[in-house]
N, C-alpha and C. Protein backbone atom coordinates (compact mmCIF):
# COMPACT_ATOMS: atom_id res chain seq x y z
N MET A 1 13.61 13.75 19.68
CA MET A 1 14.18 12.98 18.40
C MET A 1 12.85 13.33 17.14
N ALA A 2 13.62 13.95 16.34
CA ALA A 2 12.56 13.67 15.21
C ALA A 2 12.78 12.66 14.35
N HIS A 3 11.52 12.23 14.01
CA HIS A 3 11.38 10.87 12.93
C HIS A 3 11.76 11.35 11.39
N LYS A 4 12.40 10.39 10.59
CA LYS A 4 12.62 10.39 9.39
C LYS A 4 11.51 10.34 8.37
N SER A 5 11.14 10.97 7.38
CA SER A 5 9.95 11.06 6.99
C SER A 5 10.22 10.97 5.30
N PHE A 6 9.61 10.43 4.54
CA PHE A 6 9.97 11.00 2.93
C PHE A 6 8.41 10.92 2.16
N ILE A 7 7.98 11.62 0.99
CA ILE A 7 7.25 11.70 0.60
C ILE A 7 8.02 11.35 -0.80
N ALA A 8 7.15 10.36 -1.78
CA ALA A 8 7.43 10.13 -2.80
C ALA A 8 6.40 10.38 -3.78
N ARG A 9 6.71 10.90 -5.06
CA ARG A 9 5.65 11.31 -5.92
C ARG A 9 5.49 10.14 -7.39
N LEU A 10 4.62 9.53 -7.21
CA LEU A 10 4.77 8.47 -8.64
C LEU A 10 3.55 8.62 -9.58
N ARG A 11 4.05 8.51 -10.75
CA ARG A 11 3.37 8.87 -11.92
C ARG A 11 3.42 7.47 -12.59
N THR A 12 2.61 6.54 -12.73
CA THR A 12 2.39 5.38 -13.13
C THR A 12 2.21 5.37 -14.73
N LYS A 13 2.27 4.25 -15.80
CA LYS A 13 2.03 4.26 -16.82
C LYS A 13 0.74 3.71 -16.82
N PRO A 14 -0.51 4.10 -17.26
CA PRO A 14 -1.77 3.79 -17.33
C PRO A 14 -1.90 2.24 -17.37
N GLU A 15 -1.22 1.65 -18.27
CA GLU A 15 -1.72 0.09 -18.39
C GLU A 15 -0.50 -0.44 -17.12
N LYS A 16 -0.01 -0.03 -16.46
CA LYS A 16 1.06 -0.48 -15.12
C LYS A 16 0.21 -0.40 -13.90
N ARG A 17 -0.76 0.44 -14.02
CA ARG A 17 -1.47 1.08 -12.64
C ARG A 17 -1.63 0.05 -11.69
N ALA A 18 -2.36 -1.23 -12.16
CA ALA A 18 -2.59 -1.97 -11.11
C ALA A 18 -1.80 -2.72 -10.56
N ASP A 19 -0.41 -2.92 -11.53
CA ASP A 19 0.52 -3.69 -10.90
C ASP A 19 1.05 -2.58 -10.19
N MET A 20 1.24 -1.89 -10.05
CA MET A 20 1.76 -0.94 -9.25
C MET A 20 0.99 -0.47 -7.67
N ILE A 21 -0.11 -0.69 -8.05
CA ILE A 21 -0.97 -0.96 -6.73
C ILE A 21 -0.79 -1.67 -5.84
N SER A 22 -0.58 -3.16 -6.72
CA SER A 22 -0.60 -4.59 -6.23
C SER A 22 0.56 -4.44 -5.22
N LEU A 23 1.94 -4.26 -6.08
CA LEU A 23 3.09 -4.32 -5.71
C LEU A 23 2.99 -3.30 -4.29
N GLN A 24 2.72 -1.79 -4.49
CA GLN A 24 2.80 -1.23 -3.15
C GLN A 24 1.74 -1.75 -1.73
N THR A 25 0.67 -2.37 -2.25
CA THR A 25 0.03 -3.09 -0.87
C THR A 25 1.11 -4.20 -0.47
N GLU A 26 1.50 -4.85 -1.51
CA GLU A 26 2.45 -5.89 -0.71
C GLU A 26 3.28 -5.43 0.28
N LEU A 27 4.14 -4.29 -0.32
CA LEU A 27 5.22 -3.80 0.36
C LEU A 27 4.58 -3.00 1.48
N LYS A 28 3.50 -2.45 1.56
CA LYS A 28 3.29 -1.95 2.76
C LYS A 28 2.54 -2.67 4.01
N GLY A 29 2.11 -3.91 3.20
CA GLY A 29 1.96 -5.16 4.58
C GLY A 29 2.99 -5.31 5.05
N LEU A 30 4.15 -5.76 4.06
CA LEU A 30 5.28 -6.30 4.70
C LEU A 30 5.96 -5.58 5.65
N VAL A 31 5.92 -4.10 5.25
CA VAL A 31 6.58 -3.28 6.50
C VAL A 31 5.84 -3.18 7.63
N PHE A 32 4.38 -3.11 7.63
CA PHE A 32 3.75 -3.18 8.77
C PHE A 32 4.11 -4.63 9.68
N GLN A 33 4.49 -5.55 8.88
CA GLN A 33 4.45 -6.80 9.45
C GLN A 33 6.09 -7.23 10.32
N HIS A 34 7.18 -6.46 9.52
CA HIS A 34 8.44 -6.74 9.84
C HIS A 34 9.19 -5.37 9.99
N GLU A 35 8.71 -4.35 10.21
CA GLU A 35 9.51 -3.04 10.29
C GLU A 35 8.53 -2.57 11.39
N PRO A 36 8.51 -2.71 12.95
CA PRO A 36 7.90 -2.08 14.09
C PRO A 36 8.46 -0.36 14.15
N ASP A 37 9.48 -0.19 13.48
CA ASP A 37 9.85 1.16 13.91
C ASP A 37 9.13 2.07 12.68
N ALA A 38 8.80 1.60 11.54
CA ALA A 38 8.21 2.13 10.60
C ALA A 38 6.72 2.69 10.98
N LEU A 39 6.49 4.04 11.41
CA LEU A 39 5.24 4.44 11.92
C LEU A 39 4.19 4.79 11.17
N VAL A 40 4.36 5.22 9.86
CA VAL A 40 3.59 5.46 8.54
C VAL A 40 3.90 4.93 7.52
N TYR A 41 3.27 4.48 6.66
CA TYR A 41 3.53 3.95 5.09
C TYR A 41 2.14 3.78 4.63
N GLU A 42 1.99 4.82 3.66
CA GLU A 42 0.58 4.78 3.26
C GLU A 42 0.86 5.41 1.71
N LEU A 43 -0.09 4.51 0.76
CA LEU A 43 -0.26 4.70 -0.72
C LEU A 43 -1.35 5.63 -0.80
N LEU A 44 -1.26 6.94 -1.45
CA LEU A 44 -2.40 7.74 -1.77
C LEU A 44 -2.66 7.82 -3.27
N GLN A 45 -3.88 7.59 -3.74
CA GLN A 45 -3.73 7.84 -5.29
C GLN A 45 -4.90 9.30 -5.29
N SER A 46 -4.46 9.86 -6.19
CA SER A 46 -5.07 11.52 -6.74
C SER A 46 -6.30 11.28 -6.99
N ASP A 47 -7.26 12.32 -6.45
CA ASP A 47 -8.75 12.11 -6.87
C ASP A 47 -8.96 12.70 -8.36
N ASN A 48 -8.01 13.54 -8.73
CA ASN A 48 -8.16 14.04 -9.83
C ASN A 48 -7.28 13.05 -11.44
N ASP A 49 -6.50 12.25 -10.80
CA ASP A 49 -5.38 11.71 -11.92
C ASP A 49 -5.22 10.26 -11.35
N PRO A 50 -5.83 9.47 -12.03
CA PRO A 50 -5.86 8.30 -11.46
C PRO A 50 -4.38 7.35 -11.69
N ASP A 51 -3.20 8.12 -12.39
CA ASP A 51 -2.11 7.39 -12.78
C ASP A 51 -1.25 8.32 -11.74
N MET A 52 -1.65 9.06 -10.99
CA MET A 52 -0.71 10.03 -9.74
C MET A 52 -0.85 9.71 -8.38
N PHE A 53 0.31 8.97 -7.75
CA PHE A 53 0.28 8.40 -6.32
C PHE A 53 1.22 8.95 -5.71
N HIS A 54 1.14 9.23 -4.11
CA HIS A 54 1.93 9.51 -3.60
C HIS A 54 2.37 8.59 -2.15
N VAL A 55 3.47 8.12 -2.04
CA VAL A 55 3.91 7.33 -0.47
C VAL A 55 4.34 8.44 0.20
N ILE A 56 3.64 8.26 1.70
CA ILE A 56 3.94 8.72 2.86
C ILE A 56 4.55 7.55 3.69
N ALA A 57 5.91 8.15 4.24
CA ALA A 57 6.18 7.01 5.29
C ALA A 57 7.19 7.91 6.22
N THR A 58 6.95 7.53 7.45
CA THR A 58 7.34 7.69 8.47
C THR A 58 8.35 6.98 9.36
N PHE A 59 9.63 7.00 9.70
CA PHE A 59 10.36 6.05 10.73
C PHE A 59 10.90 6.43 11.51
N ARG A 60 10.90 5.68 12.75
CA ARG A 60 11.12 6.32 14.27
C ARG A 60 12.60 7.21 14.08
N ASP A 61 13.61 6.86 13.22
CA ASP A 61 14.66 7.33 13.46
C ASP A 61 15.55 7.04 12.02
N GLU A 62 16.33 7.41 11.80
CA GLU A 62 17.63 7.30 10.66
C GLU A 62 17.96 5.67 10.47
N ALA A 63 18.28 5.30 11.56
CA ALA A 63 18.37 3.71 11.59
C ALA A 63 17.27 2.97 10.96
N ALA A 64 15.99 3.31 11.38
CA ALA A 64 14.90 2.41 11.18
C ALA A 64 14.87 2.64 9.78
N TYR A 65 14.62 3.73 9.15
CA TYR A 65 14.95 4.02 7.65
C TYR A 65 15.71 3.45 6.84
N GLU A 66 17.05 3.41 7.40
CA GLU A 66 18.15 2.41 6.33
C GLU A 66 18.10 0.98 6.60
N LYS A 67 17.17 0.66 7.67
CA LYS A 67 16.71 -0.63 7.38
C LYS A 67 15.54 -1.04 6.77
N HIS A 68 14.73 -0.29 6.46
CA HIS A 68 13.70 -0.15 5.38
C HIS A 68 14.34 -0.14 4.08
N MET A 69 15.45 0.20 3.81
CA MET A 69 16.05 0.54 2.42
C MET A 69 16.67 -0.59 1.93
N HIS A 70 17.24 -1.50 3.10
CA HIS A 70 17.80 -2.85 2.87
C HIS A 70 17.36 -3.74 3.26
N ILE A 71 15.96 -4.00 3.51
CA ILE A 71 15.32 -5.02 3.96
C ILE A 71 15.06 -5.97 2.80
N ASP A 72 15.22 -7.09 2.93
CA ASP A 72 15.04 -8.03 1.57
C ASP A 72 13.71 -8.00 0.82
N PHE A 73 12.45 -7.72 1.35
CA PHE A 73 11.39 -7.69 0.31
C PHE A 73 11.32 -6.22 -0.04
N HIS A 74 11.87 -5.26 0.37
CA HIS A 74 12.13 -4.11 -0.21
C HIS A 74 13.00 -4.21 -1.70
N ASP A 75 13.82 -4.65 -1.32
CA ASP A 75 14.77 -5.19 -2.88
C ASP A 75 14.07 -5.99 -3.77
N ARG A 76 13.04 -6.84 -3.41
CA ARG A 76 12.62 -7.64 -4.09
C ARG A 76 11.50 -6.80 -5.23
N LEU A 77 10.65 -5.83 -4.33
CA LEU A 77 9.37 -5.31 -4.91
C LEU A 77 9.71 -3.75 -5.54
N VAL A 78 10.88 -3.36 -5.05
CA VAL A 78 10.89 -1.83 -5.69
C VAL A 78 11.58 -1.74 -6.94
N PRO A 79 12.13 -2.86 -7.47
CA PRO A 79 12.40 -2.79 -9.01
C PRO A 79 11.21 -3.03 -9.91
N GLY A 80 10.10 -3.91 -9.30
CA GLY A 80 8.95 -4.03 -9.96
C GLY A 80 7.77 -2.64 -10.13
N ILE A 81 8.06 -1.77 -9.10
CA ILE A 81 7.57 -0.77 -8.71
C ILE A 81 7.77 0.16 -9.83
N LEU A 82 9.62 0.39 -9.80
CA LEU A 82 10.11 1.67 -10.63
C LEU A 82 9.80 1.14 -11.98
N GLU A 83 9.67 0.19 -12.36
CA GLU A 83 9.10 -0.28 -13.83
C GLU A 83 7.97 -0.02 -14.53
N CYS A 84 6.74 0.41 -13.26
CA CYS A 84 5.71 0.66 -13.72
C CYS A 84 5.30 2.24 -13.91
N LEU A 85 6.72 2.95 -13.47
CA LEU A 85 6.63 4.24 -13.50
C LEU A 85 6.62 4.90 -14.91
N ALA A 86 5.93 5.77 -15.09
CA ALA A 86 5.82 6.69 -16.63
C ALA A 86 6.92 7.60 -16.65
N GLU A 87 7.74 8.11 -14.95
CA GLU A 87 8.54 9.08 -15.29
C GLU A 87 9.39 8.72 -13.78
N GLU A 88 10.44 9.50 -13.55
CA GLU A 88 11.14 9.40 -12.54
C GLU A 88 10.47 9.51 -11.22
N MET A 89 10.81 8.97 -10.35
CA MET A 89 9.98 8.92 -9.04
C MET A 89 10.78 10.49 -8.49
N GLN A 90 9.81 11.26 -7.63
CA GLN A 90 10.29 12.48 -7.16
C GLN A 90 10.28 12.26 -5.84
N LEU A 91 11.22 12.14 -4.94
CA LEU A 91 11.61 11.64 -3.52
C LEU A 91 11.92 12.84 -2.62
N THR A 92 11.13 13.31 -1.59
CA THR A 92 11.57 14.53 -0.73
C THR A 92 11.63 14.18 0.80
N PHE A 93 12.59 14.07 1.40
CA PHE A 93 12.44 13.95 2.94
C PHE A 93 12.24 15.34 4.09
N HIS A 94 11.59 14.67 5.14
CA HIS A 94 10.90 15.72 5.97
C HIS A 94 11.59 15.19 7.39
N ALA A 95 11.75 16.17 8.13
CA ALA A 95 11.72 15.72 9.65
C ALA A 95 10.47 16.26 10.19
N SER A 96 9.77 15.37 11.24
CA SER A 96 8.64 15.66 11.88
C SER A 96 9.27 16.62 13.24
N LEU A 97 8.23 17.65 13.53
CA LEU A 97 8.57 18.58 14.39
C LEU A 97 7.90 18.01 15.70
N ASP A 98 8.21 17.62 16.58
CA ASP A 98 7.66 17.11 17.73
C ASP A 98 7.30 18.24 18.74
């Protein structure tokens, strides 16, 4: 069975960069504590552009992804993350090829 993955491209407002990193770091920690079917959740910052980030996440299956999207801490943290963005988040979905 293919895993459900996404890659999110996030460009922050320079003055909100630290806030976004803090919120994403908290989210990542909670994902690994409370979502055993979240196999990967990583925040990456560009070497060339300190305001450009990517989040890469992989979930065991569609059900695990849906759980992630509706878990209480996701609903609490994501609005703050979105407020830090300088432009709309770009989100693409992928299936792993095992």
